[in-house]
N, C-alpha and C. Protein backbone atom coordinates (compact mmCIF):
# COMPACT_ATOMS: atom_id res chain seq x y z
N MET A 1 31.58 5.32 21.71
CA MET A 1 31.29 5.79 20.38
C MET A 1 29.99 5.33 19.75
N GLN A 2 29.88 3.92 19.94
CA GLN A 2 28.48 3.30 19.35
C GLN A 2 27.26 3.64 20.15
N LYS A 3 27.39 3.85 21.36
CA LYS A 3 26.28 4.42 22.19
C LYS A 3 25.99 5.58 21.74
N LYS A 4 26.72 6.68 21.34
CA LYS A 4 26.40 7.72 20.97
C LYS A 4 25.61 7.83 19.57
N LEU A 5 26.00 7.02 18.62
CA LEU A 5 25.55 6.70 17.52
C LEU A 5 24.03 5.86 17.55
N ALA A 6 24.02 5.08 18.47
CA ALA A 6 22.53 4.55 18.76
C ALA A 6 21.82 5.47 19.59
N ALA A 7 22.12 6.32 20.18
CA ALA A 7 21.37 7.68 20.88
C ALA A 7 20.79 8.54 19.80
N ILE A 8 21.76 8.69 18.61
CA ILE A 8 21.41 9.68 17.73
C ILE A 8 20.32 9.14 16.71
N GLU A 9 20.73 7.63 16.42
CA GLU A 9 19.61 6.94 15.90
C GLU A 9 18.15 7.28 16.38
N LYS A 10 18.08 6.94 17.61
CA LYS A 10 17.11 6.84 18.39
C LYS A 10 16.13 8.50 18.17
N LYS A 11 17.14 9.16 18.43
CA LYS A 11 16.41 10.45 18.34
C LYS A 11 15.82 10.86 16.85
N ILE A 12 16.70 10.25 15.89
CA ILE A 12 16.20 10.43 14.70
C ILE A 12 14.87 9.88 14.23
N VAL A 13 14.62 8.47 14.78
CA VAL A 13 13.47 7.84 14.76
C VAL A 13 12.27 8.65 15.53
N GLY A 14 12.32 8.99 16.43
CA GLY A 14 11.63 10.09 17.10
C GLY A 14 11.06 11.13 16.44
N LEU A 15 11.92 12.00 15.79
CA LEU A 15 11.85 12.87 14.85
C LEU A 15 10.78 12.53 13.77
N LYS A 16 11.07 11.60 13.08
CA LYS A 16 10.49 11.06 12.09
C LYS A 16 8.97 10.48 12.42
N ALA A 17 9.01 10.22 13.54
CA ALA A 17 7.40 9.95 14.27
C ALA A 17 6.83 11.11 14.38
N GLU A 18 7.38 12.34 14.97
CA GLU A 18 6.55 13.50 15.05
C GLU A 18 6.44 14.10 13.87
N LEU A 19 7.19 13.94 12.78
CA LEU A 19 6.86 14.50 11.26
C LEU A 19 5.51 13.76 10.68
N LEU A 20 5.63 12.46 11.13
CA LEU A 20 4.36 11.91 10.56
C LEU A 20 2.88 12.53 11.17
N LYS A 21 3.21 12.78 12.42
CA LYS A 21 2.06 13.27 12.89
C LYS A 21 1.46 14.87 12.53
N ILE A 22 2.36 15.41 11.95
CA ILE A 22 1.90 16.86 11.14
C ILE A 22 1.08 16.54 10.36
N GLY A 23 0.06 17.58 10.42
CA GLY A 23 -1.39 17.57 9.43
C GLY A 23 -0.80 18.51 8.26
N GLU A 24 -2.38 19.45 7.92
CA GLU A 24 -1.98 20.27 6.81
C GLU A 24 -1.09 21.34 7.37
N MET A 25 -0.17 21.75 6.21
CA MET A 25 0.54 22.84 6.48
C MET A 25 0.68 23.68 5.38
N ARG A 26 1.35 24.95 5.78
CA ARG A 26 1.66 25.82 4.68
C ARG A 26 2.88 26.97 5.14
N PRO A 27 3.61 27.40 4.33
CA PRO A 27 4.14 28.39 4.75
C PRO A 27 3.64 29.74 4.91
N GLY A 28 4.12 30.61 5.41
CA GLY A 28 3.77 32.00 5.60
C GLY A 28 3.48 32.68 6.75
N SER A 29 3.03 34.28 6.58
CA SER A 29 2.95 34.96 7.47
C SER A 29 1.32 35.70 7.30
N LEU A 30 0.51 35.29 8.28
CA LEU A 30 -0.69 35.95 8.31
C LEU A 30 -1.25 37.20 9.09
N THR A 31 -1.77 38.14 8.29
CA THR A 31 -1.85 39.59 9.02
C THR A 31 -3.31 40.03 8.54
N ARG A 32 -3.59 40.64 9.61
CA ARG A 32 -4.58 41.59 9.55
C ARG A 32 -4.34 43.08 8.88
N GLN A 33 -4.78 43.24 7.88
CA GLN A 33 -4.66 44.83 7.18
C GLN A 33 -6.06 45.47 7.23
N TYR A 34 -5.72 46.64 6.83
CA TYR A 34 -6.87 47.67 7.04
C TYR A 34 -6.89 48.57 5.66
N GLN A 35 -7.95 48.89 5.15
CA GLN A 35 -8.40 49.81 4.27
C GLN A 35 -7.95 51.39 4.55
N ASN A 36 -8.40 51.55 5.75
CA ASN A 36 -7.98 52.69 6.51
C ASN A 36 -7.38 52.37 8.10
N ARG A 37 -6.21 52.62 8.07
CA ARG A 37 -5.33 52.31 8.90
C ARG A 37 -5.41 53.09 10.20
N LYS A 38 -5.78 54.39 10.09
CA LYS A 38 -5.90 55.18 11.09
C LYS A 38 -7.24 54.77 12.15
N GLU A 39 -8.05 54.51 11.19
CA GLU A 39 -9.57 54.13 12.18
C GLU A 39 -9.72 52.65 12.03
N LYS A 40 -8.71 51.73 11.47
CA LYS A 40 -8.87 50.39 11.70
C LYS A 40 -10.26 50.15 11.00
N LYS A 41 -10.74 50.52 9.61
CA LYS A 41 -11.69 50.11 9.11
C LYS A 41 -11.58 49.53 7.96
N GLY A 42 -12.55 48.78 7.52
CA GLY A 42 -12.32 47.66 6.36
C GLY A 42 -11.23 46.86 6.33
N GLY A 43 -11.24 46.11 7.54
CA GLY A 43 -10.16 44.78 7.87
C GLY A 43 -10.42 44.00 7.34
N TYR A 44 -9.15 43.31 6.63
CA TYR A 44 -9.14 42.02 5.94
C TYR A 44 -8.00 40.96 6.45
N TYR A 45 -7.66 39.73 6.29
CA TYR A 45 -6.57 38.99 6.18
C TYR A 45 -5.87 38.68 4.92
N GLN A 46 -4.52 38.75 5.32
CA GLN A 46 -4.02 38.15 3.75
C GLN A 46 -2.62 37.24 4.68
N ILE A 47 -2.37 36.46 3.67
CA ILE A 47 -1.29 35.57 3.82
C ILE A 47 -0.33 35.87 2.96
N SER A 48 0.75 35.67 3.35
CA SER A 48 2.35 36.25 2.42
C SER A 48 3.16 34.95 2.59
N TYR A 49 3.75 34.61 1.61
CA TYR A 49 4.87 33.52 1.53
C TYR A 49 5.53 33.59 0.52
N THR A 50 6.51 32.93 0.34
CA THR A 50 7.80 32.66 -0.72
C THR A 50 7.57 31.38 -0.91
N HIS A 51 7.47 30.78 -2.28
CA HIS A 51 7.12 29.34 -2.37
C HIS A 51 8.14 29.30 -4.21
N LYS A 52 9.10 28.60 -4.23
CA LYS A 52 9.58 28.27 -5.51
C LYS A 52 10.43 29.43 -5.98
N MET A 53 10.91 30.54 -4.95
CA MET A 53 11.54 31.66 -5.04
C MET A 53 10.73 32.76 -5.50
N GLN A 54 9.65 32.48 -5.53
CA GLN A 54 8.52 33.65 -5.79
C GLN A 54 7.79 33.86 -4.66
N SER A 55 7.75 35.33 -4.45
CA SER A 55 6.66 35.95 -3.30
C SER A 55 5.44 35.94 -3.53
N ARG A 56 4.49 35.59 -2.67
CA ARG A 56 2.83 35.45 -2.91
C ARG A 56 2.32 36.42 -2.04
N THR A 57 0.82 36.66 -2.19
CA THR A 57 0.05 37.37 -1.01
C THR A 57 -1.27 37.01 -1.70
N GLU A 58 -2.19 36.49 -0.57
CA GLU A 58 -3.28 35.85 -1.00
C GLU A 58 -4.25 36.51 0.19
N TYR A 59 -5.48 36.68 -0.29
CA TYR A 59 -6.49 37.21 0.51
C TYR A 59 -6.97 36.02 1.08
N VAL A 60 -7.47 35.87 2.51
CA VAL A 60 -7.90 34.88 3.54
C VAL A 60 -9.06 35.42 4.06
N LYS A 61 -10.25 34.41 4.00
CA LYS A 61 -11.80 34.58 4.29
C LYS A 61 -11.61 34.61 5.91
N PRO A 62 -12.29 35.55 6.59
CA PRO A 62 -12.38 35.34 8.20
C PRO A 62 -12.75 33.90 8.50
N GLU A 63 -13.29 33.32 8.09
CA GLU A 63 -13.85 31.81 8.45
C GLU A 63 -12.60 30.89 8.18
N LEU A 64 -11.79 31.37 7.31
CA LEU A 64 -10.42 30.35 7.26
C LEU A 64 -9.21 30.89 8.07
N VAL A 65 -9.41 31.88 8.60
CA VAL A 65 -8.07 32.30 9.45
C VAL A 65 -7.71 31.37 10.47
N GLU A 66 -8.54 30.68 11.20
CA GLU A 66 -7.96 29.71 12.54
C GLU A 66 -7.31 28.41 11.67
N ASP A 67 -8.00 27.91 10.61
CA ASP A 67 -7.22 26.89 9.59
C ASP A 67 -5.98 27.29 9.43
N ILE A 68 -5.96 28.53 8.79
CA ILE A 68 -4.53 28.80 8.26
C ILE A 68 -3.60 29.13 9.02
N GLN A 69 -4.21 29.65 10.12
CA GLN A 69 -2.82 29.69 11.45
C GLN A 69 -2.52 28.59 12.00
N LYS A 70 -3.30 27.57 11.92
CA LYS A 70 -2.73 25.97 12.51
C LYS A 70 -1.97 25.69 11.13
N GLN A 71 -2.25 25.88 9.97
CA GLN A 71 -1.19 25.35 8.92
C GLN A 71 0.03 25.80 8.92
N ILE A 72 -0.06 27.04 9.42
CA ILE A 72 1.42 28.04 9.38
C ILE A 72 2.08 27.34 10.72
N LYS A 73 1.29 27.21 11.54
CA LYS A 73 1.94 26.45 12.89
C LYS A 73 2.85 25.27 12.54
N ASN A 74 1.93 24.49 11.68
CA ASN A 74 2.20 23.15 11.61
C ASN A 74 3.56 23.24 10.42
N PHE A 75 3.54 24.26 9.77
CA PHE A 75 4.65 24.06 8.90
C PHE A 75 5.93 24.65 9.46
N LYS A 76 5.96 25.54 10.60
CA LYS A 76 6.81 26.14 11.51
C LYS A 76 7.53 24.68 12.32
N ARG A 77 6.72 23.90 12.84
CA ARG A 77 6.93 22.70 13.47
C ARG A 77 7.80 21.91 12.38
N PHE A 78 7.20 21.50 11.36
CA PHE A 78 7.68 20.79 10.18
C PHE A 78 9.47 21.24 9.77
N LYS A 79 9.60 22.21 9.82
CA LYS A 79 10.78 23.03 9.62
C LYS A 79 11.73 22.77 10.74
N GLU A 80 11.10 23.08 12.02
CA GLU A 80 11.99 23.01 13.13
C GLU A 80 12.38 21.44 13.19
N LEU A 81 11.25 20.48 13.07
CA LEU A 81 11.71 18.86 13.30
C LEU A 81 12.86 18.63 12.19
N THR A 82 12.60 19.35 10.92
CA THR A 82 13.72 18.80 9.94
C THR A 82 15.10 19.25 10.38
N GLN A 83 15.03 20.56 10.63
CA GLN A 83 16.21 21.18 11.09
C GLN A 83 17.11 20.40 12.25
N MET A 84 16.30 19.81 13.20
CA MET A 84 17.00 18.85 14.03
C MET A 84 17.46 17.74 13.51
N TRP A 85 16.72 17.29 12.47
CA TRP A 85 16.95 15.90 11.99
C TRP A 85 18.53 16.08 10.95
N ILE A 86 18.37 17.27 10.58
CA ILE A 86 19.69 17.64 9.49
C ILE A 86 21.08 17.58 10.72
N ASP A 87 20.58 18.12 11.68
CA ASP A 87 21.83 18.54 12.65
C ASP A 87 22.20 17.28 13.22
N LEU A 88 21.26 16.29 13.60
CA LEU A 88 21.57 15.18 13.98
C LEU A 88 22.46 14.29 13.33
N ALA A 89 21.80 14.32 11.76
CA ALA A 89 22.35 13.77 10.88
C ALA A 89 23.84 13.99 10.46
N LEU A 90 24.19 15.30 10.78
CA LEU A 90 25.37 15.65 10.30
C LEU A 90 26.29 15.05 11.45
N GLU A 91 25.56 15.16 13.05
CA GLU A 91 26.61 14.50 14.14
C GLU A 91 26.93 13.25 13.93
N HIS A 92 25.72 12.53 13.04
CA HIS A 92 25.75 11.21 13.19
C HIS A 92 26.88 10.45 12.13
N SER A 93 27.07 11.42 11.00
CA SER A 93 27.94 11.21 9.94
C SER A 93 29.27 11.32 10.47
N LYS A 94 29.49 12.45 11.41
CA LYS A 94 30.95 12.73 11.92
C LYS A 94 31.45 11.71 12.82
N LEU A 95 30.46 11.42 13.59
CA LEU A 95 30.73 10.30 14.56
C LEU A 95 31.25 9.05 13.79
N LYS A 96 30.60 8.77 12.84
CA LYS A 96 30.45 7.58 12.10
C LYS A 96 32.06 7.52 11.23
N ILE A 97 32.08 8.71 10.68
CA ILE A 97 33.55 8.87 10.06
C ILE A 97 34.92 8.80 11.03
N GLU A 98 34.56 9.38 12.34
CA GLU A 98 35.34 9.56 13.20
C GLU A 98 35.85 7.73 13.89
N PHE A 99 34.52 7.31 14.07
CA PHE A 99 34.58 5.79 14.44
C PHE A 99 35.51 4.56 13.24
N ALA A 100 35.05 4.94 12.08
CA ALA A 100 35.99 4.34 10.92
C ALA A 100 37.34 4.52 10.80
N LYS A 101 37.99 5.56 11.38
CA LYS A 101 39.03 6.14 11.57
C LYS A 101 39.78 5.58 12.63
N GLN A 102 39.25 5.77 13.91
CA GLN A 102 39.72 4.74 15.03
C GLN A 102 39.88 3.66 14.53
N LEU A 103 38.60 2.56 13.88
CA LEU A 103 38.72 1.34 13.75
C LEU A 103 40.04 0.94 12.98
N LYS A 104 40.43 1.92 12.02
CA LYS A 104 41.37 1.62 10.91
C LYS A 104 42.85 1.67 11.69
N ASN A 105 42.89 2.73 12.50
CA ASN A 105 44.05 2.89 13.09
C ASN A 105 44.57 1.76 14.33
N LYS A 106 43.18 1.03 14.58
CA LYS A 106 43.80 0.20 15.39
C LYS A 106 43.92 -1.18 14.72
N LEU A 107 43.44 -1.34 13.41
CA LEU A 107 43.64 -2.49 12.58
C LEU A 107 45.30 -2.34 11.96
N SER A 108 45.50 -1.17 11.90
CA SER A 108 46.96 -0.82 11.33
C SER A 108 48.36 -1.22 12.29
C-alpha cells in the first residue's frame, strides 16, 4: 500500500514539474470567419471563450494567430495535467484512508 502511495506521489511531482513548464495560455477556440461565406471573401479570425461564466468573442489579427493557437494549446495541456492531478489526488486520498483503516484494525 505504501508503495502505491509513493508511486502516486511521484507521478504528482512529475505533473507539477510539467505544469511549471507551461507558458502563456488562454482558453478558447480560434476560428476563421468570412463576411461572404460562399465565396470565402473578407476572412478574419476570432477567438471565442467563456470566462467567469460569461461568453466572449474577440477578433484576432492575422499576425497573432500563431501565438493565440499556441496559448490555446497550452491551456488545453494545463487542463489535461490538472485533471490528471485531481484523479491521482483522489486515488491517493482513498488509498490513504484505506491504509488508515487497515492499520486501525490491526491495532484493535
